[in-house]
Amino acid sequence: MKNLLVVCIAFAVGIAFGYLLFRPSFVRAQGGVIVTEAVQTQGRIPNPVSGTVVGFFLCEFKRRKSNLLHRYPMKINLAATPRKLDGARLKLKRAKEHIDGLHFLVRQFCETGVHLITVERDAETSHEALKIAPAKTVPPDFSLILGDAVRNLACALDLAWFELTAADSPPKSKINFPIYPGRPHLEEFLGKRKEQASVVAVSRKLLDEIQPYNGENGDAIYSIHHLDIADKHRLLIPQVQIGRD
């Protein structure tokens, strides 16, 4: 008898909840996704039986969920653990997107006739001269995309160096990727950081493989460094040279 009474009470609560759940004004006020879709799809309010069943289960789910959260409190950390050098990788990825986009735009630009080529004859000497004149100017967006690509490449180097060496760097020191005009300058920098374990760990790789100075393997890095500085003061202007050996 007691179980029957409990079922009757739950059934009555389900009917009331189902009515409130599927009443048009309630749907508009709450904006429930499932209910709204049902009303819009069928163009009518669902029958009382479905409302009762849905309402009953929603009440039961809410009760059980509340009990579980009360008995087993949870702390959820939504922040993903970053991988090593993630920041540098993201900057490299962004730089590649800029470079690929610039290549595409340059190809489009060149396919539409960049220069006017004419042959002129000198009446006095009968010599012929080939004249090449620009048919259109380089779009200014090229300079902006190039500058963004260079900036991201330079930032990738600085982010990588910061992550590798910031923990034991001297106070108030600049933590930038070491780029110098020549090898002696790099050796001098490394000599001053003999007590810094993080720099000592990568010193041989810097000197023998990366070589971040003018000449040898580090030409590209040295060029990026100077292009990044130049881009802070003036637009980088892409140029095309046409000549003959």
Protein backbone atom coordinates (compact mmCIF):
# COMPACT_ATOMS: atom_id res chain seq x y z
CA MET A 1 0.00 0.00 0.00
CA LYS A 2 2.85 2.34 0.88
CA ASN A 3 4.64 1.65 -2.43
CA LEU A 4 1.43 2.33 -4.34
CA LEU A 5 1.08 5.68 -2.57
CA VAL A 6 4.64 6.64 -3.52
CA VAL A 7 4.03 5.73 -7.17
CA CYS A 8 0.80 7.77 -7.22
CA ILE A 9 2.54 10.81 -5.77
CA ALA A 10 5.41 10.51 -8.28
CA PHE A 11 2.91 10.11 -11.11
CA ALA A 12 1.02 13.25 -10.00
CA VAL A 13 4.27 15.22 -9.75
CA GLY A 14 5.21 13.97 -13.21
CA ILE A 15 1.92 15.17 -14.67
CA ALA A 16 2.33 18.61 -13.13
CA PHE A 17 5.95 18.88 -14.19
CA GLY A 18 5.17 17.63 -17.68
CA TYR A 19 2.44 20.22 -18.04
CA LEU A 20 4.78 23.01 -16.96
CA LEU A 21 7.58 21.64 -19.11
CA PHE A 22 5.57 21.58 -22.32
CA ARG A 23 3.39 24.65 -21.76
CA PRO A 24 4.18 27.11 -24.63
CA SER A 25 4.85 30.06 -22.35
CA PHE A 26 7.31 27.97 -20.32
CA VAL A 27 9.14 26.89 -23.45
CA ARG A 28 9.56 30.46 -24.60
CA ALA A 29 10.75 31.61 -21.19
CA GLN A 30 13.25 28.81 -20.64
CA GLY A 31 14.40 28.17 -24.17
CA GLY A 32 14.96 24.44 -23.58
CA VAL A 33 16.59 22.91 -26.59
CA ILE A 34 14.76 19.58 -26.66
CA VAL A 35 11.32 21.00 -25.84
CA THR A 36 11.65 23.83 -28.34
CA GLU A 37 12.60 21.42 -31.10
CA ALA A 38 9.61 19.18 -30.33
CA VAL A 39 7.13 22.05 -30.43
CA GLN A 40 8.59 23.57 -33.61
CA THR A 41 8.86 20.22 -35.40
CA GLN A 42 5.38 18.91 -34.62
CA GLY A 43 3.64 22.26 -34.44
CA ARG A 44 1.68 21.19 -31.35
CA ILE A 45 2.15 20.52 -27.61
CA PRO A 46 3.07 16.86 -26.91
CA ASN A 47 0.37 14.67 -25.37
CA PRO A 48 0.03 14.49 -21.54
CA VAL A 49 1.42 10.93 -21.36
CA SER A 50 4.77 11.87 -22.92
CA GLY A 51 4.85 14.97 -20.75
CA THR A 52 4.24 12.85 -17.67
CA VAL A 53 6.98 10.35 -18.50
CA VAL A 54 9.54 13.01 -19.39
CA GLY A 55 8.65 15.09 -16.35
CA PHE A 56 8.93 12.09 -14.02
CA PHE A 57 12.34 11.07 -15.29
CA LEU A 58 13.63 14.64 -15.22
CA CYS A 59 12.56 14.98 -11.58
CA GLU A 60 14.20 11.66 -10.69
CA PHE A 61 17.40 12.57 -12.57
CA LYS A 62 17.62 15.92 -10.81
CA ARG A 63 17.14 14.26 -7.40
CA ARG A 64 19.77 11.58 -8.01
CA LYS A 65 22.23 14.10 -9.46
CA SER A 66 21.84 16.32 -6.40
CA ASN A 67 22.47 13.39 -4.06
CA LEU A 68 25.57 12.26 -5.96
CA LEU A 69 27.09 15.72 -6.02
CA HIS A 70 26.39 16.09 -2.30
CA ARG A 71 27.97 12.72 -1.42
CA TYR A 72 30.85 12.86 -3.92
CA PRO A 73 31.93 16.48 -4.48
CA MET A 74 34.14 16.85 -7.53
CA LYS A 75 36.64 19.48 -8.64
CA ILE A 76 37.13 19.61 -12.38
CA ASN A 77 40.20 21.33 -13.81
CA LEU A 78 39.29 22.45 -17.32
CA ALA A 79 42.78 23.76 -18.13
CA ALA A 80 44.68 21.30 -20.30
CA THR A 81 48.28 20.59 -19.37
CA PRO A 82 50.44 22.29 -22.02
CA ARG A 83 53.11 20.31 -23.81
CA LYS A 84 56.71 21.44 -23.74
CA LEU A 85 57.39 24.30 -26.19
CA ASP A 86 53.70 24.52 -27.12
CA GLY A 87 53.89 28.31 -27.41
CA ALA A 88 56.81 28.16 -29.84
CA ARG A 89 55.05 25.50 -31.92
CA LEU A 90 51.91 27.62 -32.18
CA LYS A 91 53.93 30.62 -33.33
CA LEU A 92 55.66 28.49 -35.98
CA LYS A 93 52.32 27.17 -37.16
CA ARG A 94 50.94 30.69 -37.45
CA ALA A 95 54.04 31.84 -39.34
CA LYS A 96 53.64 28.98 -41.81
CA GLU A 97 50.01 29.98 -42.40
CA HIS A 98 51.15 33.52 -43.22
CA ILE A 99 53.90 32.26 -45.55
CA ASP A 100 51.60 29.84 -47.37
CA GLY A 101 49.01 32.59 -47.79
CA LEU A 102 51.63 34.99 -49.13
CA HIS A 103 52.88 32.40 -51.65
CA PHE A 104 49.33 31.94 -52.92
CA LEU A 105 48.78 35.70 -53.31
CA VAL A 106 52.14 36.15 -55.06
CA ARG A 107 51.30 33.41 -57.56
CA GLN A 108 47.96 35.06 -58.27
CA PHE A 109 49.67 38.42 -58.67
CA CYS A 110 52.29 37.07 -61.09
CA GLU A 111 49.76 35.21 -63.24
CA THR A 112 47.90 38.39 -64.15
CA GLY A 113 50.75 40.21 -65.90
CA VAL A 114 53.20 41.93 -63.61
CA HIS A 115 55.34 43.66 -66.26
CA LEU A 116 55.00 45.24 -69.66
CA ILE A 117 57.75 44.10 -72.02
CA THR A 118 58.47 46.12 -75.15
CA VAL A 119 61.25 46.26 -77.77
CA GLU A 120 62.50 49.69 -78.83
CA ARG A 121 64.79 50.39 -81.79
CA ASP A 122 67.27 53.24 -81.79
CA ALA A 123 66.85 55.05 -85.16
CA GLU A 124 70.44 56.27 -85.21
CA THR A 125 72.30 53.12 -84.22
CA SER A 126 69.68 50.53 -85.22
CA HIS A 127 70.21 48.88 -81.85
CA GLU A 128 67.24 47.23 -80.19
CA ALA A 129 66.55 47.53 -76.51
CA LEU A 130 64.28 45.37 -74.37
CA LYS A 131 62.33 47.50 -71.90
CA ILE A 132 60.56 46.03 -68.90
CA ALA A 133 58.20 48.27 -66.97
CA PRO A 134 55.92 47.37 -64.06
CA ALA A 135 52.32 46.97 -65.12
CA LYS A 136 51.00 47.32 -61.56
CA THR A 137 52.23 47.95 -58.06
CA VAL A 138 52.74 45.29 -55.41
CA PRO A 139 49.68 45.21 -53.07
CA PRO A 140 50.45 46.72 -49.64
CA ASP A 141 48.97 43.63 -47.95
CA PHE A 142 52.07 41.71 -49.02
CA SER A 143 54.20 43.81 -46.66
CA LEU A 144 51.79 43.26 -43.76
CA ILE A 145 51.61 39.48 -44.24
CA LEU A 146 55.40 39.25 -44.57
CA GLY A 147 55.87 41.30 -41.40
CA ASP A 148 53.43 39.10 -39.47
CA ALA A 149 55.24 35.95 -40.61
CA VAL A 150 58.63 37.33 -39.54
CA ARG A 151 57.24 38.45 -36.16
CA ASN A 152 55.83 35.01 -35.42
CA LEU A 153 59.10 33.33 -36.36
CA ALA A 154 61.05 35.66 -34.07
CA CYS A 155 58.55 35.10 -31.24
CA ALA A 156 58.86 31.32 -31.64
CA LEU A 157 62.61 31.58 -30.97
CA ASP A 158 62.11 33.82 -27.93
CA LEU A 159 59.34 31.64 -26.48
CA ALA A 160 61.46 28.50 -26.84
CA TRP A 161 64.48 30.14 -25.19
CA PHE A 162 62.33 31.55 -22.37
CA GLU A 163 60.82 28.15 -21.59
CA LEU A 164 64.22 26.48 -21.58
CA THR A 165 66.16 29.03 -19.52
CA ALA A 166 63.82 31.31 -17.56
CA ALA A 167 63.81 29.20 -14.41
CA ASP A 168 67.49 29.90 -13.57
CA SER A 169 68.15 33.11 -15.49
CA PRO A 170 69.83 35.98 -13.63
CA PRO A 171 67.40 38.55 -12.17
CA LYS A 172 66.42 41.41 -14.49
CA SER A 173 68.19 39.82 -17.43
CA LYS A 174 66.72 39.85 -20.93
CA ILE A 175 65.52 36.38 -21.83
CA ASN A 176 65.69 36.53 -25.62
CA PHE A 177 67.02 33.96 -28.03
CA PRO A 178 70.77 34.73 -28.36
CA ILE A 179 71.47 36.08 -31.86
CA TYR A 180 74.76 37.86 -32.57
CA PRO A 181 76.76 39.26 -35.53
CA GLY A 182 79.48 36.62 -35.18
CA ARG A 183 80.60 33.51 -33.31
CA PRO A 184 82.91 35.39 -30.87
CA HIS A 185 79.91 37.36 -29.57
CA LEU A 186 77.97 34.14 -28.96
CA GLU A 187 80.95 32.57 -27.20
CA GLU A 188 81.23 35.65 -24.98
CA PHE A 189 77.54 35.38 -24.04
CA LEU A 190 77.87 31.68 -23.19
CA GLY A 191 81.02 32.40 -21.18
CA LYS A 192 79.06 34.78 -18.96
CA ARG A 193 76.42 32.10 -18.31
CA LYS A 194 78.73 29.26 -17.18
CA GLU A 195 76.90 29.08 -13.87
CA GLN A 196 73.47 28.83 -15.52
CA ALA A 197 72.73 25.12 -15.91
CA SER A 198 69.95 25.56 -18.48
CA VAL A 199 72.24 27.51 -20.84
CA VAL A 200 75.17 25.13 -20.33
CA ALA A 201 72.89 22.25 -21.34
CA VAL A 202 72.27 23.75 -24.80
CA SER A 203 75.57 25.59 -25.34
CA ARG A 204 77.18 22.93 -27.57
CA LYS A 205 74.08 22.70 -29.74
CA LEU A 206 74.04 26.49 -30.11
CA LEU A 207 77.71 26.65 -31.09
CA ASP A 208 77.96 23.57 -33.32
CA GLU A 209 74.52 23.14 -34.87
CA ILE A 210 72.21 26.15 -34.59
CA GLN A 211 74.95 28.80 -34.89
CA PRO A 212 72.66 31.85 -34.45
CA TYR A 213 74.96 34.44 -35.96
CA ASN A 214 75.77 35.91 -39.34
CA GLY A 215 77.14 33.16 -41.59
CA GLU A 216 77.21 29.35 -41.50
CA ASN A 217 74.04 27.57 -40.38
CA GLY A 218 72.53 30.57 -38.63
CA ASP A 219 72.02 32.81 -41.67
CA ALA A 220 68.25 32.29 -41.67
CA ILE A 221 67.92 33.03 -37.93
CA TYR A 222 70.13 36.10 -38.25
CA SER A 223 68.04 37.36 -41.18
CA ILE A 224 64.78 36.83 -39.28
CA HIS A 225 66.20 38.81 -36.36
CA HIS A 226 67.09 41.81 -38.53
CA LEU A 227 63.87 41.69 -40.56
CA ASP A 228 61.90 41.69 -37.31
CA ILE A 229 63.76 44.80 -36.12
CA ALA A 230 63.25 46.52 -39.49
CA ASP A 231 59.53 45.72 -39.51
CA LYS A 232 59.09 47.63 -36.24
CA HIS A 233 60.19 50.86 -37.93
CA ARG A 234 59.08 50.52 -41.56
CA LEU A 235 57.13 48.19 -43.79
CA LEU A 236 59.03 45.33 -45.36
CA ILE A 237 58.82 45.85 -49.14
CA PRO A 238 58.90 42.71 -51.30
CA GLN A 239 61.07 43.17 -54.41
CA VAL A 240 61.51 41.25 -57.65
CA GLN A 241 64.72 41.47 -59.64
CA ILE A 242 64.90 40.54 -63.31
CA GLY A 243 68.32 40.22 -64.90
CA ARG A 244 70.62 38.17 -67.05
CA ASP A 245 73.99 36.61 -66.23
